[in-house]
Amino acid sequence: MVLPYARLGVNIDHVATIRNARGGAWPDPARAAKAARDAGADGITIHLREDRRHIRDGDLEAVSGAMSLPINLEMATTDEMLKIAMDFKPHAVCLVPEKREERTTEGGLDVARLHNVVSPFVRDLSENGSRVSLFIEPDIVQVAVAEAIGAPVVELHTGKYVEHVIAGEEKEAALELDRLKLAASEGKRRGIEVHAGHGLTYDTIKPVAQIPEIAEFNIGHFLVGEAIFVGLEAAVRHMRDLIDEARSE
């Protein structure tokens, strides 16, 4: 059975990480965005963190001005980030948990516990014209709360599934994949668009890409790392091909 086309969003945060290591202007995240576009990406994801460890404020306009793909701005639920997003007006905003001490986003946003905090962000950003998604664990309760507070999109955290696959933990990986399938099905049933991302690699994308309800994948760190060896366009193009193959099998 051929599944519907799934979009690929490329996260270019770690191009900025390499740039910031030397404090200069290279490599340029805007150039990376154009390369991803040319290789078949459907959108560009950038995470403006409170500590500005990779993407900086000036990157928002630079990246959006460099190419015509939609921008997906990942951000924490803080007043500072809300003001920036309201002014920038990205195509999409993904609300994520954020801790200064973490290396990367470690898990999904607990919207069931934080619904009173998250709900005004969903409302204000939606009214401002951005498509709002919530980065959550693959849990049907989190999906239900996302619907209740009016989020049109959820992005399911795939990190645990990837970790189990890499560790060779087949049983645990299968259980986590089942959680992803159930959450995606529940999202679709509730009229929510379902995305997925975090940690996905060439070796882990296909089983997730075969979940029919998932409409978009957001992948970054692996692609930037692979680009060191093969170039960013080649890395993105191969991921695009793997997703397409999985949807047609």
C-alpha atoms as a PDB file:
ATOM      1  CA  MET A   1       0.000   0.000   0.000  1.00  0.00           C
ATOM      2  CA  VAL A   2       1.355   3.391  -0.993  1.00  0.00           C
ATOM      3  CA  LEU A   3       1.089   5.882   1.874  1.00  0.00           C
ATOM      4  CA  PRO A   4       0.571   9.631   1.492  1.00  0.00           C
ATOM      5  CA  TYR A   5       3.629  11.793   0.928  1.00  0.00           C
ATOM      6  CA  ALA A   6       5.376  12.753   4.183  1.00  0.00           C
ATOM      7  CA  ARG A   7       7.156  16.087   4.499  1.00  0.00           C
ATOM      8  CA  LEU A   8      10.770  16.327   5.636  1.00  0.00           C
ATOM      9  CA  GLY A   9      11.788  19.247   7.820  1.00  0.00           C
ATOM     10  CA  VAL A  10      15.545  19.695   8.243  1.00  0.00           C
ATOM     11  CA  ASN A  11      16.790  21.129  11.524  1.00  0.00           C
ATOM     12  CA  ILE A  12      19.919  23.240  10.944  1.00  0.00           C
ATOM     13  CA  ASP A  13      20.655  24.095  14.611  1.00  0.00           C
ATOM     14  CA  HIS A  14      23.947  22.261  14.681  1.00  0.00           C
ATOM     15  CA  VAL A  15      25.324  24.089  11.682  1.00  0.00           C
ATOM     16  CA  ALA A  16      25.056  27.088  14.016  1.00  0.00           C
ATOM     17  CA  THR A  17      26.676  25.045  16.808  1.00  0.00           C
ATOM     18  CA  ILE A  18      29.772  24.552  14.643  1.00  0.00           C
ATOM     19  CA  ARG A  19      29.785  28.223  13.706  1.00  0.00           C
ATOM     20  CA  ASN A  20      29.548  29.320  17.320  1.00  0.00           C
ATOM     21  CA  ALA A  21      32.464  27.102  18.335  1.00  0.00           C
ATOM     22  CA  ARG A  22      34.780  29.625  16.687  1.00  0.00           C
ATOM     23  CA  GLY A  23      32.601  32.678  17.165  1.00  0.00           C
ATOM     24  CA  GLY A  24      32.722  33.652  13.507  1.00  0.00           C
ATOM     25  CA  ALA A  25      30.308  33.599  10.600  1.00  0.00           C
ATOM     26  CA  TRP A  26      30.983  30.127   9.146  1.00  0.00           C
ATOM     27  CA  PRO A  27      29.398  27.753   8.475  1.00  0.00           C
ATOM     28  CA  ASP A  28      26.374  29.858   7.598  1.00  0.00           C
ATOM     29  CA  PRO A  29      22.978  28.420   8.694  1.00  0.00           C
ATOM     30  CA  ALA A  30      21.232  30.295   5.877  1.00  0.00           C
ATOM     31  CA  ARG A  31      23.435  28.551   3.328  1.00  0.00           C
ATOM     32  CA  ALA A  32      22.601  25.225   4.999  1.00  0.00           C
ATOM     33  CA  ALA A  33      18.897  26.016   4.663  1.00  0.00           C
ATOM     34  CA  LYS A  34      19.310  26.589   0.928  1.00  0.00           C
ATOM     35  CA  ALA A  35      21.273  23.353   0.539  1.00  0.00           C
ATOM     36  CA  ALA A  36      18.548  21.418   2.386  1.00  0.00           C
ATOM     37  CA  ARG A  37      15.911  22.992   0.144  1.00  0.00           C
ATOM     38  CA  ASP A  38      17.823  22.020  -2.985  1.00  0.00           C
ATOM     39  CA  ALA A  39      18.086  18.427  -1.721  1.00  0.00           C
ATOM     40  CA  GLY A  40      14.341  17.994  -1.257  1.00  0.00           C
ATOM     41  CA  ALA A  41      13.534  19.343   2.214  1.00  0.00           C
ATOM     42  CA  ASP A  42       9.994  20.649   2.619  1.00  0.00           C
ATOM     43  CA  GLY A  43      10.763  22.965   5.525  1.00  0.00           C
ATOM     44  CA  ILE A  44      13.493  24.234   7.828  1.00  0.00           C
ATOM     45  CA  THR A  45      13.427  23.859  11.608  1.00  0.00           C
ATOM     46  CA  ILE A  46      15.384  26.126  13.945  1.00  0.00           C
ATOM     47  CA  HIS A  47      15.365  26.166  17.763  1.00  0.00           C
ATOM     48  CA  LEU A  48      16.041  29.516  19.379  1.00  0.00           C
ATOM     49  CA  ARG A  49      17.057  28.512  22.888  1.00  0.00           C
ATOM     50  CA  GLU A  50      17.134  30.773  25.926  1.00  0.00           C
ATOM     51  CA  ASP A  51      20.922  30.406  26.143  1.00  0.00           C
ATOM     52  CA  ARG A  52      21.440  30.949  22.362  1.00  0.00           C
ATOM     53  CA  ARG A  53      23.805  27.977  22.231  1.00  0.00           C
ATOM     54  CA  HIS A  54      23.272  27.513  18.496  1.00  0.00           C
ATOM     55  CA  ILE A  55      20.677  29.586  16.618  1.00  0.00           C
ATOM     56  CA  ARG A  56      20.930  33.319  17.350  1.00  0.00           C
ATOM     57  CA  ASP A  57      18.277  35.996  16.998  1.00  0.00           C
ATOM     58  CA  GLY A  58      19.770  37.279  13.746  1.00  0.00           C
ATOM     59  CA  ASP A  59      19.541  33.833  12.192  1.00  0.00           C
ATOM     60  CA  LEU A  60      15.750  34.005  12.092  1.00  0.00           C
ATOM     61  CA  GLU A  61      15.583  36.695   9.430  1.00  0.00           C
ATOM     62  CA  ALA A  62      18.750  35.475   7.688  1.00  0.00           C
ATOM     63  CA  VAL A  63      17.409  31.954   7.217  1.00  0.00           C
ATOM     64  CA  SER A  64      13.882  33.007   6.251  1.00  0.00           C
ATOM     65  CA  GLY A  65      15.267  35.548   3.792  1.00  0.00           C
ATOM     66  CA  ALA A  66      17.606  33.063   2.146  1.00  0.00           C
ATOM     67  CA  MET A  67      14.972  30.705   0.757  1.00  0.00           C
ATOM     68  CA  SER A  68      11.240  30.282   0.411  1.00  0.00           C
ATOM     69  CA  LEU A  69      10.653  27.153   2.498  1.00  0.00           C
ATOM     70  CA  PRO A  70       8.404  27.396   5.563  1.00  0.00           C
ATOM     71  CA  ILE A  71      10.195  27.973   8.867  1.00  0.00           C
ATOM     72  CA  ASN A  72       9.346  25.868  11.911  1.00  0.00           C
ATOM     73  CA  LEU A  73      10.515  27.712  15.037  1.00  0.00           C
ATOM     74  CA  GLU A  74      11.069  25.503  18.070  1.00  0.00           C
ATOM     75  CA  MET A  75      10.798  27.428  21.338  1.00  0.00           C
ATOM     76  CA  ALA A  76      10.147  27.157  25.042  1.00  0.00           C
ATOM     77  CA  THR A  77       7.032  28.552  26.691  1.00  0.00           C
ATOM     78  CA  THR A  78       8.589  31.770  27.988  1.00  0.00           C
ATOM     79  CA  ASP A  79       7.492  35.382  27.630  1.00  0.00           C
ATOM     80  CA  GLU A  80      10.708  36.271  25.816  1.00  0.00           C
ATOM     81  CA  MET A  81      10.225  33.578  23.187  1.00  0.00           C
ATOM     82  CA  LEU A  82       6.553  34.411  22.775  1.00  0.00           C
ATOM     83  CA  LYS A  83       7.394  38.021  21.944  1.00  0.00           C
ATOM     84  CA  ILE A  84      10.058  36.940  19.446  1.00  0.00           C
ATOM     85  CA  ALA A  85       7.682  34.495  17.745  1.00  0.00           C
ATOM     86  CA  MET A  86       4.858  37.030  17.633  1.00  0.00           C
ATOM     87  CA  ASP A  87       7.155  39.519  15.921  1.00  0.00           C
ATOM     88  CA  PHE A  88       8.809  36.991  13.586  1.00  0.00           C
ATOM     89  CA  LYS A  89       5.520  35.295  12.585  1.00  0.00           C
ATOM     90  CA  PRO A  90       6.995  31.956  11.415  1.00  0.00           C
ATOM     91  CA  HIS A  91       4.908  29.546   9.401  1.00  0.00           C
ATOM     92  CA  ALA A  92       5.014  27.100  12.322  1.00  0.00           C
ATOM     93  CA  VAL A  93       5.951  27.084  15.998  1.00  0.00           C
ATOM     94  CA  CYS A  94       6.762  23.922  17.928  1.00  0.00           C
ATOM     95  CA  LEU A  95       6.578  24.297  21.703  1.00  0.00           C
ATOM     96  CA  VAL A  96       9.248  22.211  23.428  1.00  0.00           C
ATOM     97  CA  PRO A  97      10.547  21.720  26.985  1.00  0.00           C
ATOM     98  CA  GLU A  98      13.863  23.364  27.653  1.00  0.00           C
ATOM     99  CA  LYS A  99      16.454  23.137  30.431  1.00  0.00           C
ATOM    100  CA  ARG A 100      19.740  25.028  30.386  1.00  0.00           C
ATOM    101  CA  GLU A 101      21.717  22.010  31.640  1.00  0.00           C
ATOM    102  CA  GLU A 102      20.536  19.575  28.951  1.00  0.00           C
ATOM    103  CA  ARG A 103      22.609  18.837  25.862  1.00  0.00           C
ATOM    104  CA  THR A 104      19.513  18.614  23.690  1.00  0.00           C
ATOM    105  CA  THR A 105      15.774  18.331  24.251  1.00  0.00           C
ATOM    106  CA  GLU A 106      15.519  15.260  26.468  1.00  0.00           C
ATOM    107  CA  GLY A 107      11.835  14.444  26.235  1.00  0.00           C
ATOM    108  CA  GLY A 108       8.384  15.654  25.352  1.00  0.00           C
ATOM    109  CA  LEU A 109       6.500  18.579  26.797  1.00  0.00           C
ATOM    110  CA  ASP A 110       4.195  17.399  29.598  1.00  0.00           C
ATOM    111  CA  VAL A 111       1.080  19.168  28.390  1.00  0.00           C
ATOM    112  CA  ALA A 112      -1.133  17.113  30.696  1.00  0.00           C
ATOM    113  CA  ARG A 113       0.587  18.714  33.692  1.00  0.00           C
ATOM    114  CA  LEU A 114       1.329  22.097  32.130  1.00  0.00           C
ATOM    115  CA  HIS A 115      -1.864  22.658  30.159  1.00  0.00           C
ATOM    116  CA  ASN A 116      -2.648  25.935  31.964  1.00  0.00           C
ATOM    117  CA  VAL A 117       0.793  27.258  30.948  1.00  0.00           C
ATOM    118  CA  VAL A 118       0.794  25.919  27.394  1.00  0.00           C
ATOM    119  CA  SER A 119      -2.783  26.789  26.434  1.00  0.00           C
ATOM    120  CA  PRO A 120      -2.288  30.603  26.202  1.00  0.00           C
ATOM    121  CA  PHE A 121       0.770  30.082  23.973  1.00  0.00           C
ATOM    122  CA  VAL A 122      -1.253  27.868  21.625  1.00  0.00           C
ATOM    123  CA  ARG A 123      -4.022  30.463  21.496  1.00  0.00           C
ATOM    124  CA  ASP A 124      -1.825  33.542  21.016  1.00  0.00           C
ATOM    125  CA  LEU A 125       0.485  31.990  18.420  1.00  0.00           C
ATOM    126  CA  SER A 126      -2.417  30.518  16.465  1.00  0.00           C
ATOM    127  CA  GLU A 127      -4.222  33.852  16.428  1.00  0.00           C
ATOM    128  CA  ASN A 128      -0.975  35.413  15.198  1.00  0.00           C
ATOM    129  CA  GLY A 129      -0.996  33.138  12.142  1.00  0.00           C
ATOM    130  CA  SER A 130       1.483  30.384  13.077  1.00  0.00           C
ATOM    131  CA  ARG A 131       0.665  26.671  12.946  1.00  0.00           C
ATOM    132  CA  VAL A 132       1.323  25.478  16.509  1.00  0.00           C
ATOM    133  CA  SER A 133       2.617  22.018  17.352  1.00  0.00           C
ATOM    134  CA  LEU A 134       3.427  20.454  20.711  1.00  0.00           C
ATOM    135  CA  PHE A 135       6.487  18.226  21.064  1.00  0.00           C
ATOM    136  CA  ILE A 136       5.194  15.378  23.230  1.00  0.00           C
ATOM    137  CA  GLU A 137       5.902  11.829  24.274  1.00  0.00           C
ATOM    138  CA  PRO A 138       3.976   9.203  22.254  1.00  0.00           C
ATOM    139  CA  ASP A 139       1.234   8.946  24.853  1.00  0.00           C
ATOM    140  CA  ILE A 140      -2.495   9.041  24.182  1.00  0.00           C
ATOM    141  CA  VAL A 141      -3.158  11.160  27.284  1.00  0.00           C
ATOM    142  CA  GLN A 142      -0.764  13.840  26.013  1.00  0.00           C
ATOM    143  CA  VAL A 143      -2.479  13.691  22.614  1.00  0.00           C
ATOM    144  CA  ALA A 144      -5.901  14.106  24.219  1.00  0.00           C
ATOM    145  CA  VAL A 145      -4.782  17.153  26.201  1.00  0.00           C
ATOM    146  CA  ALA A 146      -3.211  18.640  23.080  1.00  0.00           C
ATOM    147  CA  GLU A 147      -6.619  18.459  21.416  1.00  0.00           C
ATOM    148  CA  ALA A 148      -8.326  19.905  24.480  1.00  0.00           C
ATOM    149  CA  ILE A 149      -6.151  23.028  24.459  1.00  0.00           C
ATOM    150  CA  GLY A 150      -6.585  23.546  20.740  1.00  0.00           C
ATOM    151  CA  ALA A 151      -3.212  22.474  19.322  1.00  0.00           C
ATOM    152  CA  PRO A 152      -3.655  21.548  15.643  1.00  0.00           C
ATOM    153  CA  VAL A 153      -0.399  19.542  15.510  1.00  0.00           C
ATOM    154  CA  VAL A 154       1.635  17.247  17.762  1.00  0.00           C
ATOM    155  CA  GLU A 155       5.196  16.098  17.148  1.00  0.00           C
ATOM    156  CA  LEU A 156       5.925  12.717  18.680  1.00  0.00           C
ATOM    157  CA  HIS A 157       9.288  12.296  20.396  1.00  0.00           C
ATOM    158  CA  THR A 158      11.112   9.392  18.703  1.00  0.00           C
ATOM    159  CA  GLY A 159      14.267   9.552  20.825  1.00  0.00           C
ATOM    160  CA  LYS A 160      13.510   6.584  23.054  1.00  0.00           C
ATOM    161  CA  TYR A 161      12.732   4.369  20.072  1.00  0.00           C
ATOM    162  CA  VAL A 162      16.034   5.330  18.430  1.00  0.00           C
ATOM    163  CA  GLU A 163      18.004   4.717  21.633  1.00  0.00           C
ATOM    164  CA  HIS A 164      16.571   1.199  21.972  1.00  0.00           C
ATOM    165  CA  VAL A 165      17.367   0.378  18.340  1.00  0.00           C
ATOM    166  CA  ILE A 166      20.948   1.615  18.661  1.00  0.00           C
ATOM    167  CA  ALA A 167      21.402  -0.386  21.872  1.00  0.00           C
ATOM    168  CA  GLY A 168      20.142  -3.550  20.182  1.00  0.00           C
ATOM    169  CA  GLU A 169      17.166  -3.745  22.551  1.00  0.00           C
ATOM    170  CA  GLU A 170      14.718  -5.258  20.092  1.00  0.00           C
ATOM    171  CA  LYS A 171      11.845  -5.902  22.503  1.00  0.00           C
ATOM    172  CA  GLU A 172      11.983  -2.398  23.975  1.00  0.00           C
ATOM    173  CA  ALA A 173      12.278  -0.861  20.501  1.00  0.00           C
ATOM    174  CA  ALA A 174       9.211  -2.781  19.325  1.00  0.00           C
ATOM    175  CA  LEU A 175       7.223  -1.595  22.349  1.00  0.00           C
ATOM    176  CA  GLU A 176       8.249   2.007  21.742  1.00  0.00           C
ATOM    177  CA  LEU A 177       7.347   1.719  18.070  1.00  0.00           C
ATOM    178  CA  ASP A 178       3.921   0.445  19.126  1.00  0.00           C
ATOM    179  CA  ARG A 179       3.555   3.518  21.373  1.00  0.00           C
ATOM    180  CA  LEU A 180       4.355   5.733  18.398  1.00  0.00           C
ATOM    181  CA  LYS A 181       1.789   3.923  16.255  1.00  0.00           C
ATOM    182  CA  LEU A 182      -0.912   4.181  18.918  1.00  0.00           C
ATOM    183  CA  ALA A 183      -0.266   7.871  19.586  1.00  0.00           C
ATOM    184  CA  ALA A 184      -0.233   8.656  15.859  1.00  0.00           C
ATOM    185  CA  SER A 185      -3.509   6.811  15.364  1.00  0.00           C
ATOM    186  CA  GLU A 186      -5.060   8.643  18.307  1.00  0.00           C
ATOM    187  CA  GLY A 187      -3.915  11.983  16.946  1.00  0.00           C
ATOM    188  CA  LYS A 188      -5.434  11.249  13.557  1.00  0.00           C
ATOM    189  CA  ARG A 189      -8.683  10.116  15.203  1.00  0.00           C
ATOM    190  CA  ARG A 190      -8.893  13.400  17.083  1.00  0.00           C
ATOM    191  CA  GLY A 191      -8.262  15.483  13.980  1.00  0.00           C
ATOM    192  CA  ILE A 192      -4.694  16.453  14.931  1.00  0.00           C
ATOM    193  CA  GLU A 193      -1.891  16.477  12.365  1.00  0.00           C
ATOM    194  CA  VAL A 194       0.899  14.177  13.549  1.00  0.00           C
ATOM    195  CA  HIS A 195       4.630  14.827  13.105  1.00  0.00           C
ATOM    196  CA  ALA A 196       7.620  12.923  14.500  1.00  0.00           C
ATOM    197  CA  GLY A 197      11.248  13.591  15.249  1.00  0.00           C
ATOM    198  CA  HIS A 198      14.333  13.441  17.466  1.00  0.00           C
ATOM    199  CA  GLY A 199      17.385  11.272  16.906  1.00  0.00           C
ATOM    200  CA  LEU A 200      16.183   9.645  13.690  1.00  0.00           C
ATOM    201  CA  THR A 201      18.896   8.146  11.469  1.00  0.00           C
ATOM    202  CA  TYR A 202      19.126   6.249   8.200  1.00  0.00           C
ATOM    203  CA  ASP A 203      18.903   3.006  10.167  1.00  0.00           C
ATOM    204  CA  THR A 204      15.841   3.983  12.207  1.00  0.00           C
ATOM    205  CA  ILE A 205      13.676   6.082   9.883  1.00  0.00           C
ATOM    206  CA  LYS A 206      11.902   3.394   7.858  1.00  0.00           C
ATOM    207  CA  PRO A 207       9.731   1.745  10.551  1.00  0.00           C
ATOM    208  CA  VAL A 208       8.603   5.176  11.757  1.00  0.00           C
ATOM    209  CA  ALA A 209       8.061   6.448   8.211  1.00  0.00           C
ATOM    210  CA  GLN A 210       5.738   3.494   7.631  1.00  0.00           C
ATOM    211  CA  ILE A 211       3.293   4.823  10.240  1.00  0.00           C
ATOM    212  CA  PRO A 212       0.601   6.146   7.898  1.00  0.00           C
ATOM    213  CA  GLU A 213      -0.733   8.886  10.161  1.00  0.00           C
ATOM    214  CA  ILE A 214       2.587  10.744  10.388  1.00  0.00           C
ATOM    215  CA  ALA A 215       2.593  13.681   7.978  1.00  0.00           C
ATOM    216  CA  GLU A 216       6.008  15.201   8.690  1.00  0.00           C
ATOM    217  CA  PHE A 217       9.433  14.270  10.039  1.00  0.00           C
ATOM    218  CA  ASN A 218      11.865  16.768  11.551  1.00  0.00           C
ATOM    219  CA  ILE A 219      15.483  15.600  11.517  1.00  0.00           C
ATOM    220  CA  GLY A 220      18.639  17.571  12.201  1.00  0.00           C
ATOM    221  CA  HIS A 221      21.618  16.447  14.245  1.00  0.00           C
ATOM    222  CA  PHE A 222      22.168  13.213  12.332  1.00  0.00           C
ATOM    223  CA  LEU A 223      21.988  14.962   8.967  1.00  0.00           C
ATOM    224  CA  VAL A 224      24.458  17.669   9.985  1.00  0.00           C
ATOM    225  CA  GLY A 225      26.803  14.988  11.292  1.00  0.00           C
ATOM    226  CA  GLU A 226      26.493  12.928   8.121  1.00  0.00           C
ATOM    227  CA  ALA A 227      27.134  16.055   6.084  1.00  0.00           C
ATOM    228  CA  ILE A 228      30.718  16.103   7.372  1.00  0.00           C
ATOM    229  CA  PHE A 229      31.355  12.969   5.306  1.00  0.00           C
ATOM    230  CA  VAL A 230      29.061  13.283   2.286  1.00  0.00           C
ATOM    231  CA  GLY A 231      27.850  16.895   2.196  1.00  0.00           C
ATOM    232  CA  LEU A 232      24.538  18.263   3.414  1.00  0.00           C
ATOM    233  CA  GLU A 233      22.675  17.951   0.125  1.00  0.00           C
ATOM    234  CA  ALA A 234      23.637  14.288  -0.237  1.00  0.00           C
ATOM    235  CA  ALA A 235      22.686  13.553   3.387  1.00  0.00           C
ATOM    236  CA  VAL A 236      19.273  15.203   3.081  1.00  0.00           C
ATOM    237  CA  ARG A 237      18.599  13.629  -0.303  1.00  0.00           C
ATOM    238  CA  HIS A 238      19.305  10.131   1.039  1.00  0.00           C
ATOM    239  CA  MET A 239      16.974  10.675   4.008  1.00  0.00           C
ATOM    240  CA  ARG A 240      14.311  11.963   1.628  1.00  0.00           C
ATOM    241  CA  ASP A 241      14.727   8.822  -0.487  1.00  0.00           C
ATOM    242  CA  LEU A 242      14.452   6.518   2.543  1.00  0.00           C
ATOM    243  CA  ILE A 243      11.234   8.164   3.674  1.00  0.00           C
ATOM    244  CA  ASP A 244       9.775   7.900   0.186  1.00  0.00           C
ATOM    245  CA  GLU A 245      10.804   4.245  -0.065  1.00  0.00           C
ATOM    246  CA  ALA A 246       9.182   3.472   3.276  1.00  0.00           C
ATOM    247  CA  ARG A 247       5.940   5.136   2.233  1.00  0.00           C
ATOM    248  CA  SER A 248       5.770   3.106  -0.980  1.00  0.00           C
ATOM    249  CA  GLU A 249       6.569  -0.368   0.414  1.00  0.00           C
END
